[in-house]
């Protein structure tokens, strides 16, 4: 149940937990942890 939109960039070795929303314009560098149900605006 994760959505990652156009233009988002996810680095290496990241973990994105369930129910999270990563919208356009978000950049995660390497080794980032995203917990459950995290929302970016």
ModelCIF file with pLDDT and N, C-alpha, C, O atoms, coordinates in Angstrom:
data_MODEL
#
_entry.id   MODEL 
#
_entity.id                         1 
_entity.type                       polymer 
_entity.pdbx_number_of_molecules   1 
#
_entity_poly.entity_id                      1 
_entity_poly.type                           'polypeptide(L)' 
_entity_poly.nstd_linkage                   no 
_entity_poly.nstd_monomer                   no 
_entity_poly.pdbx_seq_one_letter_code       
;(UNK)(UNK)(UNK)(UNK)(UNK)(UNK)(UNK)(UNK)(UNK)(UNK)(UNK)(UNK)(UNK)(UNK)(UNK)(UNK)
(UNK)(UNK)(UNK)(UNK)(UNK)(UNK)(UNK)(UNK)(UNK)(UNK)(UNK)(UNK)(UNK)(UNK)(UNK)(UNK)
(UNK)(UNK)(UNK)(UNK)(UNK)(UNK)(UNK)(UNK)(UNK)
;
_entity_poly.pdbx_seq_one_letter_code_can   XXXXXXXXXXXXXXXXXXXXXXXXXXXXXXXXXXXXXXXXX 
_entity_poly.pdbx_strand_id                 A 
#
loop_
_entity_poly_seq.entity_id 
_entity_poly_seq.num 
_entity_poly_seq.mon_id 
_entity_poly_seq.hetero 
1 1  UNK n 
1 2  UNK n 
1 3  UNK n 
1 4  UNK n 
1 5  UNK n 
1 6  UNK n 
1 7  UNK n 
1 8  UNK n 
1 9  UNK n 
1 10 UNK n 
1 11 UNK n 
1 12 UNK n 
1 13 UNK n 
1 14 UNK n 
1 15 UNK n 
1 16 UNK n 
1 17 UNK n 
1 18 UNK n 
1 19 UNK n 
1 20 UNK n 
1 21 UNK n 
1 22 UNK n 
1 23 UNK n 
1 24 UNK n 
1 25 UNK n 
1 26 UNK n 
1 27 UNK n 
1 28 UNK n 
1 29 UNK n 
1 30 UNK n 
1 31 UNK n 
1 32 UNK n 
1 33 UNK n 
1 34 UNK n 
1 35 UNK n 
1 36 UNK n 
1 37 UNK n 
1 38 UNK n 
1 39 UNK n 
1 40 UNK n 
1 41 UNK n 
#
_struct_asym.id          A 
_struct_asym.entity_id   1 
#
loop_
_ma_qa_metric.id 
_ma_qa_metric.mode 
_ma_qa_metric.name 
_ma_qa_metric.software_group_id 
_ma_qa_metric.type 
1 global pLDDT . pLDDT 
2 local  pLDDT . pLDDT 
#
_ma_qa_metric_global.metric_id      1 
_ma_qa_metric_global.metric_value   97.73 
_ma_qa_metric_global.model_id       1 
_ma_qa_metric_global.ordinal_id     1 
#
loop_
_ma_qa_metric_local.label_asym_id 
_ma_qa_metric_local.label_comp_id 
_ma_qa_metric_local.label_seq_id 
_ma_qa_metric_local.metric_id 
_ma_qa_metric_local.metric_value 
_ma_qa_metric_local.model_id 
_ma_qa_metric_local.ordinal_id 
A UNK 1  2 96.00 1 1  
A UNK 2  2 97.00 1 2  
A UNK 3  2 97.00 1 3  
A UNK 4  2 98.00 1 4  
A UNK 5  2 97.00 1 5  
A UNK 6  2 97.00 1 6  
A UNK 7  2 97.00 1 7  
A UNK 8  2 98.00 1 8  
A UNK 9  2 98.00 1 9  
A UNK 10 2 98.00 1 10 
A UNK 11 2 98.00 1 11 
A UNK 12 2 98.00 1 12 
A UNK 13 2 98.00 1 13 
A UNK 14 2 98.00 1 14 
A UNK 15 2 98.00 1 15 
A UNK 16 2 98.00 1 16 
A UNK 17 2 98.00 1 17 
A UNK 18 2 98.00 1 18 
A UNK 19 2 98.00 1 19 
A UNK 20 2 98.00 1 20 
A UNK 21 2 98.00 1 21 
A UNK 22 2 98.00 1 22 
A UNK 23 2 97.00 1 23 
A UNK 24 2 97.00 1 24 
A UNK 25 2 97.00 1 25 
A UNK 26 2 98.00 1 26 
A UNK 27 2 98.00 1 27 
A UNK 28 2 98.00 1 28 
A UNK 29 2 98.00 1 29 
A UNK 30 2 98.00 1 30 
A UNK 31 2 98.00 1 31 
A UNK 32 2 98.00 1 32 
A UNK 33 2 98.00 1 33 
A UNK 34 2 98.00 1 34 
A UNK 35 2 98.00 1 35 
A UNK 36 2 98.00 1 36 
A UNK 37 2 98.00 1 37 
A UNK 38 2 98.00 1 38 
A UNK 39 2 98.00 1 39 
A UNK 40 2 98.00 1 40 
A UNK 41 2 97.00 1 41 
#
loop_
_atom_site.group_PDB 
_atom_site.id 
_atom_site.type_symbol 
_atom_site.label_atom_id 
_atom_site.label_alt_id 
_atom_site.label_comp_id 
_atom_site.label_asym_id 
_atom_site.label_entity_id 
_atom_site.label_seq_id 
_atom_site.pdbx_PDB_ins_code 
_atom_site.Cartn_x 
_atom_site.Cartn_y 
_atom_site.Cartn_z 
_atom_site.occupancy 
_atom_site.B_iso_or_equiv 
_atom_site.pdbx_formal_charge 
_atom_site.auth_seq_id 
_atom_site.auth_comp_id 
_atom_site.auth_asym_id 
_atom_site.auth_atom_id 
_atom_site.pdbx_PDB_model_num 
ATOM 1   N N  . UNK A 1 1  ? 0.805  -1.219 0.000   1.00 96.00 ? 1  UNK A N  1 
ATOM 2   C CA . UNK A 1 1  ? 0.000  0.000  0.000   1.00 96.00 ? 1  UNK A CA 1 
ATOM 3   C C  . UNK A 1 1  ? 0.840  1.271  0.000   1.00 96.00 ? 1  UNK A C  1 
ATOM 4   O O  . UNK A 1 1  ? 0.497  2.241  0.676   1.00 96.00 ? 1  UNK A O  1 
ATOM 5   N N  . UNK A 1 2  ? 1.929  1.273  -0.747  1.00 97.00 ? 2  UNK A N  1 
ATOM 6   C CA . UNK A 1 2  ? 2.781  2.450  -0.894  1.00 97.00 ? 2  UNK A CA 1 
ATOM 7   C C  . UNK A 1 2  ? 2.533  3.054  -2.263  1.00 97.00 ? 2  UNK A C  1 
ATOM 8   O O  . UNK A 1 2  ? 2.399  2.333  -3.252  1.00 97.00 ? 2  UNK A O  1 
ATOM 9   N N  . UNK A 1 3  ? 2.472  4.386  -2.323  1.00 97.00 ? 3  UNK A N  1 
ATOM 10  C CA . UNK A 1 3  ? 2.439  5.098  -3.601  1.00 97.00 ? 3  UNK A CA 1 
ATOM 11  C C  . UNK A 1 3  ? 3.659  5.997  -3.676  1.00 97.00 ? 3  UNK A C  1 
ATOM 12  O O  . UNK A 1 3  ? 3.968  6.733  -2.739  1.00 97.00 ? 3  UNK A O  1 
ATOM 13  N N  . UNK A 1 4  ? 4.353  5.922  -4.821  1.00 98.00 ? 4  UNK A N  1 
ATOM 14  C CA . UNK A 1 4  ? 5.479  6.808  -5.093  1.00 98.00 ? 4  UNK A CA 1 
ATOM 15  C C  . UNK A 1 4  ? 5.203  7.462  -6.436  1.00 98.00 ? 4  UNK A C  1 
ATOM 16  O O  . UNK A 1 4  ? 5.097  6.780  -7.455  1.00 98.00 ? 4  UNK A O  1 
ATOM 17  N N  . UNK A 1 5  ? 5.085  8.787  -6.437  1.00 97.00 ? 5  UNK A N  1 
ATOM 18  C CA . UNK A 1 5  ? 4.666  9.531  -7.618  1.00 97.00 ? 5  UNK A CA 1 
ATOM 19  C C  . UNK A 1 5  ? 5.826  9.914  -8.524  1.00 97.00 ? 5  UNK A C  1 
ATOM 20  O O  . UNK A 1 5  ? 6.998  9.757  -8.181  1.00 97.00 ? 5  UNK A O  1 
ATOM 21  N N  . UNK A 1 6  ? 5.458  10.414 -9.681  1.00 97.00 ? 6  UNK A N  1 
ATOM 22  C CA . UNK A 1 6  ? 6.448  10.851 -10.674 1.00 97.00 ? 6  UNK A CA 1 
ATOM 23  C C  . UNK A 1 6  ? 7.354  11.913 -10.071 1.00 97.00 ? 6  UNK A C  1 
ATOM 24  O O  . UNK A 1 6  ? 6.936  12.735 -9.256  1.00 97.00 ? 6  UNK A O  1 
ATOM 25  N N  . UNK A 1 7  ? 8.604  11.868 -10.500 1.00 97.00 ? 7  UNK A N  1 
ATOM 26  C CA . UNK A 1 7  ? 9.570  12.861 -10.047 1.00 97.00 ? 7  UNK A CA 1 
ATOM 27  C C  . UNK A 1 7  ? 10.169 12.582 -8.689  1.00 97.00 ? 7  UNK A C  1 
ATOM 28  O O  . UNK A 1 7  ? 11.119 13.261 -8.299  1.00 97.00 ? 7  UNK A O  1 
ATOM 29  N N  . UNK A 1 8  ? 9.654  11.607 -7.946  1.00 98.00 ? 8  UNK A N  1 
ATOM 30  C CA . UNK A 1 8  ? 10.252 11.240 -6.657  1.00 98.00 ? 8  UNK A CA 1 
ATOM 31  C C  . UNK A 1 8  ? 11.498 10.413 -6.930  1.00 98.00 ? 8  UNK A C  1 
ATOM 32  O O  . UNK A 1 8  ? 11.547 9.650  -7.894  1.00 98.00 ? 8  UNK A O  1 
ATOM 33  N N  . UNK A 1 9  ? 12.512 10.570 -6.071  1.00 98.00 ? 9  UNK A N  1 
ATOM 34  C CA . UNK A 1 9  ? 13.765 9.822  -6.213  1.00 98.00 ? 9  UNK A CA 1 
ATOM 35  C C  . UNK A 1 9  ? 14.094 9.154  -4.892  1.00 98.00 ? 9  UNK A C  1 
ATOM 36  O O  . UNK A 1 9  ? 14.145 9.796  -3.843  1.00 98.00 ? 9  UNK A O  1 
ATOM 37  N N  . UNK A 1 10 ? 14.316 7.848  -4.970  1.00 98.00 ? 10 UNK A N  1 
ATOM 38  C CA . UNK A 1 10 ? 14.617 7.050  -3.788  1.00 98.00 ? 10 UNK A CA 1 
ATOM 39  C C  . UNK A 1 10 ? 16.042 6.522  -3.941  1.00 98.00 ? 10 UNK A C  1 
ATOM 40  O O  . UNK A 1 10 ? 16.360 5.894  -4.951  1.00 98.00 ? 10 UNK A O  1 
ATOM 41  N N  . UNK A 1 11 ? 16.898 6.768  -2.958  1.00 98.00 ? 11 UNK A N  1 
ATOM 42  C CA . UNK A 1 11 ? 18.291 6.332  -3.014  1.00 98.00 ? 11 UNK A CA 1 
ATOM 43  C C  . UNK A 1 11 ? 18.442 4.842  -2.774  1.00 98.00 ? 11 UNK A C  1 
ATOM 44  O O  . UNK A 1 11 ? 17.455 4.107  -2.720  1.00 98.00 ? 11 UNK A O  1 
ATOM 45  N N  . UNK A 1 12 ? 19.663 4.408  -2.632  1.00 98.00 ? 12 UNK A N  1 
ATOM 46  C CA . UNK A 1 12 ? 19.988 2.997  -2.411  1.00 98.00 ? 12 UNK A CA 1 
ATOM 47  C C  . UNK A 1 12 ? 19.730 2.582  -0.964  1.00 98.00 ? 12 UNK A C  1 
ATOM 48  O O  . UNK A 1 12 ? 19.859 3.383  -0.039  1.00 98.00 ? 12 UNK A O  1 
ATOM 49  N N  . UNK A 1 13 ? 19.365 1.317  -0.792  1.00 98.00 ? 13 UNK A N  1 
ATOM 50  C CA . UNK A 1 13 ? 19.197 0.685  0.521   1.00 98.00 ? 13 UNK A CA 1 
ATOM 51  C C  . UNK A 1 13 ? 18.213 1.418  1.424   1.00 98.00 ? 13 UNK A C  1 
ATOM 52  O O  . UNK A 1 13 ? 18.420 1.500  2.635   1.00 98.00 ? 13 UNK A O  1 
ATOM 53  N N  . UNK A 1 14 ? 17.157 1.943  0.845   1.00 98.00 ? 14 UNK A N  1 
ATOM 54  C CA . UNK A 1 14 ? 16.094 2.569  1.630   1.00 98.00 ? 14 UNK A CA 1 
ATOM 55  C C  . UNK A 1 14 ? 15.020 1.534  1.948   1.00 98.00 ? 14 UNK A C  1 
ATOM 56  O O  . UNK A 1 14 ? 14.856 0.553  1.222   1.00 98.00 ? 14 UNK A O  1 
ATOM 57  N N  . UNK A 1 15 ? 14.302 1.758  3.024   1.00 98.00 ? 15 UNK A N  1 
ATOM 58  C CA . UNK A 1 15 ? 13.161 0.924  3.365   1.00 98.00 ? 15 UNK A CA 1 
ATOM 59  C C  . UNK A 1 15 ? 11.956 1.829  3.520   1.00 98.00 ? 15 UNK A C  1 
ATOM 60  O O  . UNK A 1 15 ? 11.960 2.762  4.323   1.00 98.00 ? 15 UNK A O  1 
ATOM 61  N N  . UNK A 1 16 ? 10.921 1.540  2.736   1.00 98.00 ? 16 UNK A N  1 
ATOM 62  C CA . UNK A 1 16 ? 9.689  2.319  2.783   1.00 98.00 ? 16 UNK A CA 1 
ATOM 63  C C  . UNK A 1 16 ? 8.589  1.385  3.266   1.00 98.00 ? 16 UNK A C  1 
ATOM 64  O O  . UNK A 1 16 ? 8.192  0.461  2.556   1.00 98.00 ? 16 UNK A O  1 
ATOM 65  N N  . UNK A 1 17 ? 8.100  1.627  4.473   1.00 98.00 ? 17 UNK A N  1 
ATOM 66  C CA . UNK A 1 17 ? 7.118  0.742  5.098   1.00 98.00 ? 17 UNK A CA 1 
ATOM 67  C C  . UNK A 1 17 ? 5.719  0.974  4.536   1.00 98.00 ? 17 UNK A C  1 
ATOM 68  O O  . UNK A 1 17 ? 5.463  1.954  3.837   1.00 98.00 ? 17 UNK A O  1 
ATOM 69  N N  . UNK A 1 18 ? 4.835  0.059  4.857   1.00 98.00 ? 18 UNK A N  1 
ATOM 70  C CA . UNK A 1 18 ? 3.483  0.035  4.285   1.00 98.00 ? 18 UNK A CA 1 
ATOM 71  C C  . UNK A 1 18 ? 2.700  1.332  4.529   1.00 98.00 ? 18 UNK A C  1 
ATOM 72  O O  . UNK A 1 18 ? 2.947  2.070  5.483   1.00 98.00 ? 18 UNK A O  1 
ATOM 73  N N  . UNK A 1 19 ? 1.761  1.569  3.637   1.00 98.00 ? 19 UNK A N  1 
ATOM 74  C CA . UNK A 1 19 ? 0.797  2.663  3.713   1.00 98.00 ? 19 UNK A CA 1 
ATOM 75  C C  . UNK A 1 19 ? 1.419  4.059  3.622   1.00 98.00 ? 19 UNK A C  1 
ATOM 76  O O  . UNK A 1 19 ? 0.800  5.036  4.044   1.00 98.00 ? 19 UNK A O  1 
ATOM 77  N N  . UNK A 1 20 ? 2.620  4.164  3.085   1.00 98.00 ? 20 UNK A N  1 
ATOM 78  C CA . UNK A 1 20 ? 3.281  5.471  2.984   1.00 98.00 ? 20 UNK A CA 1 
ATOM 79  C C  . UNK A 1 20 ? 3.036  6.105  1.618   1.00 98.00 ? 20 UNK A C  1 
ATOM 80  O O  . UNK A 1 20 ? 2.798  5.414  0.627   1.00 98.00 ? 20 UNK A O  1 
ATOM 81  N N  . UNK A 1 21 ? 3.099  7.441  1.590   1.00 98.00 ? 21 UNK A N  1 
ATOM 82  C CA . UNK A 1 21 ? 2.855  8.215  0.378   1.00 98.00 ? 21 UNK A CA 1 
ATOM 83  C C  . UNK A 1 21 ? 4.042  9.138  0.142   1.00 98.00 ? 21 UNK A C  1 
ATOM 84  O O  . UNK A 1 21 ? 4.340  10.014 0.954   1.00 98.00 ? 21 UNK A O  1 
ATOM 85  N N  . UNK A 1 22 ? 4.712  8.925  -0.987  1.00 98.00 ? 22 UNK A N  1 
ATOM 86  C CA . UNK A 1 22 ? 5.862  9.744  -1.354  1.00 98.00 ? 22 UNK A CA 1 
ATOM 87  C C  . UNK A 1 22 ? 5.499  10.459 -2.652  1.00 98.00 ? 22 UNK A C  1 
ATOM 88  O O  . UNK A 1 22 ? 5.424  9.847  -3.717  1.00 98.00 ? 22 UNK A O  1 
ATOM 89  N N  . UNK A 1 23 ? 5.280  11.745 -2.541  1.00 97.00 ? 23 UNK A N  1 
ATOM 90  C CA . UNK A 1 23 ? 4.760  12.503 -3.676  1.00 97.00 ? 23 UNK A CA 1 
ATOM 91  C C  . UNK A 1 23 ? 5.864  13.103 -4.530  1.00 97.00 ? 23 UNK A C  1 
ATOM 92  O O  . UNK A 1 23 ? 7.046  13.052 -4.190  1.00 97.00 ? 23 UNK A O  1 
ATOM 93  N N  . UNK A 1 24 ? 5.446  13.663 -5.633  1.00 97.00 ? 24 UNK A N  1 
ATOM 94  C CA . UNK A 1 24 ? 6.349  14.353 -6.552  1.00 97.00 ? 24 UNK A CA 1 
ATOM 95  C C  . UNK A 1 24 ? 7.149  15.395 -5.783  1.00 97.00 ? 24 UNK A C  1 
ATOM 96  O O  . UNK A 1 24 ? 6.608  16.099 -4.931  1.00 97.00 ? 24 UNK A O  1 
ATOM 97  N N  . UNK A 1 25 ? 8.451  15.488 -6.091  1.00 97.00 ? 25 UNK A N  1 
ATOM 98  C CA . UNK A 1 25 ? 9.302  16.485 -5.457  1.00 97.00 ? 25 UNK A CA 1 
ATOM 99  C C  . UNK A 1 25 ? 10.062 15.981 -4.247  1.00 97.00 ? 25 UNK A C  1 
ATOM 100 O O  . UNK A 1 25 ? 10.889 16.707 -3.695  1.00 97.00 ? 25 UNK A O  1 
ATOM 101 N N  . UNK A 1 26 ? 9.799  14.745 -3.821  1.00 98.00 ? 26 UNK A N  1 
ATOM 102 C CA . UNK A 1 26 ? 10.486 14.192 -2.652  1.00 98.00 ? 26 UNK A CA 1 
ATOM 103 C C  . UNK A 1 26 ? 11.723 13.441 -3.115  1.00 98.00 ? 26 UNK A C  1 
ATOM 104 O O  . UNK A 1 26 ? 11.671 12.662 -4.067  1.00 98.00 ? 26 UNK A O  1 
ATOM 105 N N  . UNK A 1 27 ? 12.844 13.685 -2.427  1.00 98.00 ? 27 UNK A N  1 
ATOM 106 C CA . UNK A 1 27 ? 14.069 12.945 -2.690  1.00 98.00 ? 27 UNK A CA 1 
ATOM 107 C C  . UNK A 1 27 ? 14.553 12.337 -1.388  1.00 98.00 ? 27 UNK A C  1 
ATOM 108 O O  . UNK A 1 27 ? 14.769 13.040 -0.401  1.00 98.00 ? 27 UNK A O  1 
ATOM 109 N N  . UNK A 1 28 ? 14.722 11.007 -1.398  1.00 98.00 ? 28 UNK A N  1 
ATOM 110 C CA . UNK A 1 28 ? 15.303 10.302 -0.271  1.00 98.00 ? 28 UNK A CA 1 
ATOM 111 C C  . UNK A 1 28 ? 16.708 9.894  -0.674  1.00 98.00 ? 28 UNK A C  1 
ATOM 112 O O  . UNK A 1 28 ? 16.887 9.203  -1.677  1.00 98.00 ? 28 UNK A O  1 
ATOM 113 N N  . UNK A 1 29 ? 17.701 10.311 0.088   1.00 98.00 ? 29 UNK A N  1 
ATOM 114 C CA . UNK A 1 29 ? 19.064 9.877  -0.186  1.00 98.00 ? 29 UNK A CA 1 
ATOM 115 C C  . UNK A 1 29 ? 19.223 8.427  0.280   1.00 98.00 ? 29 UNK A C  1 
ATOM 116 O O  . UNK A 1 29 ? 18.245 7.803  0.693   1.00 98.00 ? 29 UNK A O  1 
ATOM 117 N N  . UNK A 1 30 ? 20.424 7.892  0.220   1.00 98.00 ? 30 UNK A N  1 
ATOM 118 C CA . UNK A 1 30 ? 20.686 6.497  0.570   1.00 98.00 ? 30 UNK A CA 1 
ATOM 119 C C  . UNK A 1 30 ? 20.393 6.204  2.039   1.00 98.00 ? 30 UNK A C  1 
ATOM 120 O O  . UNK A 1 30 ? 20.549 7.061  2.910   1.00 98.00 ? 30 UNK A O  1 
ATOM 121 N N  . UNK A 1 31 ? 19.959 4.951  2.289   1.00 98.00 ? 31 UNK A N  1 
ATOM 122 C CA . UNK A 1 31 ? 19.796 4.397  3.638   1.00 98.00 ? 31 UNK A CA 1 
ATOM 123 C C  . UNK A 1 31 ? 18.760 5.120  4.485   1.00 98.00 ? 31 UNK A C  1 
ATOM 124 O O  . UNK A 1 31 ? 18.904 5.199  5.705   1.00 98.00 ? 31 UNK A O  1 
ATOM 125 N N  . UNK A 1 32 ? 17.734 5.640  3.862   1.00 98.00 ? 32 UNK A N  1 
ATOM 126 C CA . UNK A 1 32 ? 16.654 6.312  4.587   1.00 98.00 ? 32 UNK A CA 1 
ATOM 127 C C  . UNK A 1 32 ? 15.593 5.282  4.968   1.00 98.00 ? 32 UNK A C  1 
ATOM 128 O O  . UNK A 1 32 ? 15.250 4.405  4.176   1.00 98.00 ? 32 UNK A O  1 
ATOM 129 N N  . UNK A 1 33 ? 15.081 5.403  6.193   1.00 98.00 ? 33 UNK A N  1 
ATOM 130 C CA . UNK A 1 33 ? 13.992 4.562  6.667   1.00 98.00 ? 33 UNK A CA 1 
ATOM 131 C C  . UNK A 1 33 ? 12.721 5.403  6.732   1.00 98.00 ? 33 UNK A C  1 
ATOM 132 O O  . UNK A 1 33 ? 12.708 6.484  7.320   1.00 98.00 ? 33 UNK A O  1 
ATOM 133 N N  . UNK A 1 34 ? 11.655 4.892  6.121   1.00 98.00 ? 34 UNK A N  1 
ATOM 134 C CA . UNK A 1 34 ? 10.338 5.526  6.166   1.00 98.00 ? 34 UNK A CA 1 
ATOM 135 C C  . UNK A 1 34 ? 9.404  4.561  6.878   1.00 98.00 ? 34 UNK A C  1 
ATOM 136 O O  . UNK A 1 34 ? 9.158  3.460  6.384   1.00 98.00 ? 34 UNK A O  1 
ATOM 137 N N  . UNK A 1 35 ? 8.882  4.957  8.030   1.00 98.00 ? 35 UNK A N  1 
ATOM 138 C CA . UNK A 1 35 ? 7.979  4.105  8.802   1.00 98.00 ? 35 UNK A CA 1 
ATOM 139 C C  . UNK A 1 35 ? 6.620  3.969  8.137   1.00 98.00 ? 35 UNK A C  1 
ATOM 140 O O  . UNK A 1 35 ? 6.387  4.507  7.054   1.00 98.00 ? 35 UNK A O  1 
ATOM 141 N N  . UNK A 1 36 ? 5.736  3.250  8.794   1.00 98.00 ? 36 UNK A N  1 
ATOM 142 C CA . UNK A 1 36 ? 4.391  3.014  8.279   1.00 98.00 ? 36 UNK A CA 1 
ATOM 143 C C  . UNK A 1 36 ? 3.575  4.306  8.248   1.00 98.00 ? 36 UNK A C  1 
ATOM 144 O O  . UNK A 1 36 ? 3.654  5.130  9.160   1.00 98.00 ? 36 UNK A O  1 
ATOM 145 N N  . UNK A 1 37 ? 2.799  4.464  7.192   1.00 98.00 ? 37 UNK A N  1 
ATOM 146 C CA . UNK A 1 37 ? 1.821  5.561  7.090   1.00 98.00 ? 37 UNK A CA 1 
ATOM 147 C C  . UNK A 1 37 ? 2.457  6.953  7.117   1.00 98.00 ? 37 UNK A C  1 
ATOM 148 O O  . UNK A 1 37 ? 1.853  7.895  7.631   1.00 98.00 ? 37 UNK A O  1 
ATOM 149 N N  . UNK A 1 38 ? 3.654  7.089  6.577   1.00 98.00 ? 38 UNK A N  1 
ATOM 150 C CA . UNK A 1 38 ? 4.301  8.404  6.485   1.00 98.00 ? 38 UNK A CA 1 
ATOM 151 C C  . UNK A 1 38 ? 3.760  9.124  5.257   1.00 98.00 ? 38 UNK A C  1 
ATOM 152 O O  . UNK A 1 38 ? 3.578  8.521  4.199   1.00 98.00 ? 38 UNK A O  1 
ATOM 153 N N  . UNK A 1 39 ? 3.504  10.420 5.412   1.00 98.00 ? 39 UNK A N  1 
ATOM 154 C CA . UNK A 1 39 ? 2.954  11.220 4.323   1.00 98.00 ? 39 UNK A CA 1 
ATOM 155 C C  . UNK A 1 39 ? 3.828  12.442 4.069   1.00 98.00 ? 39 UNK A C  1 
ATOM 156 O O  . UNK A 1 39 ? 4.191  13.171 4.992   1.00 98.00 ? 39 UNK A O  1 
ATOM 157 N N  . UNK A 1 40 ? 4.152  12.644 2.812   1.00 98.00 ? 40 UNK A N  1 
ATOM 158 C CA . UNK A 1 40 ? 4.849  13.852 2.374   1.00 98.00 ? 40 UNK A CA 1 
ATOM 159 C C  . UNK A 1 40 ? 3.851  14.752 1.666   1.00 98.00 ? 40 UNK A C  1 
ATOM 160 O O  . UNK A 1 40 ? 2.894  14.276 1.056   1.00 98.00 ? 40 UNK A O  1 
ATOM 161 N N  . UNK A 1 41 ? 4.080  16.053 1.754   1.00 97.00 ? 41 UNK A N  1 
ATOM 162 C CA . UNK A 1 41 ? 3.214  17.045 1.105   1.00 97.00 ? 41 UNK A CA 1 
ATOM 163 C C  . UNK A 1 41 ? 4.088  17.886 0.189   1.00 97.00 ? 41 UNK A C  1 
ATOM 164 O O  . UNK A 1 41 ? 3.591  18.797 -0.474  1.00 97.00 ? 41 UNK A O  1 
#
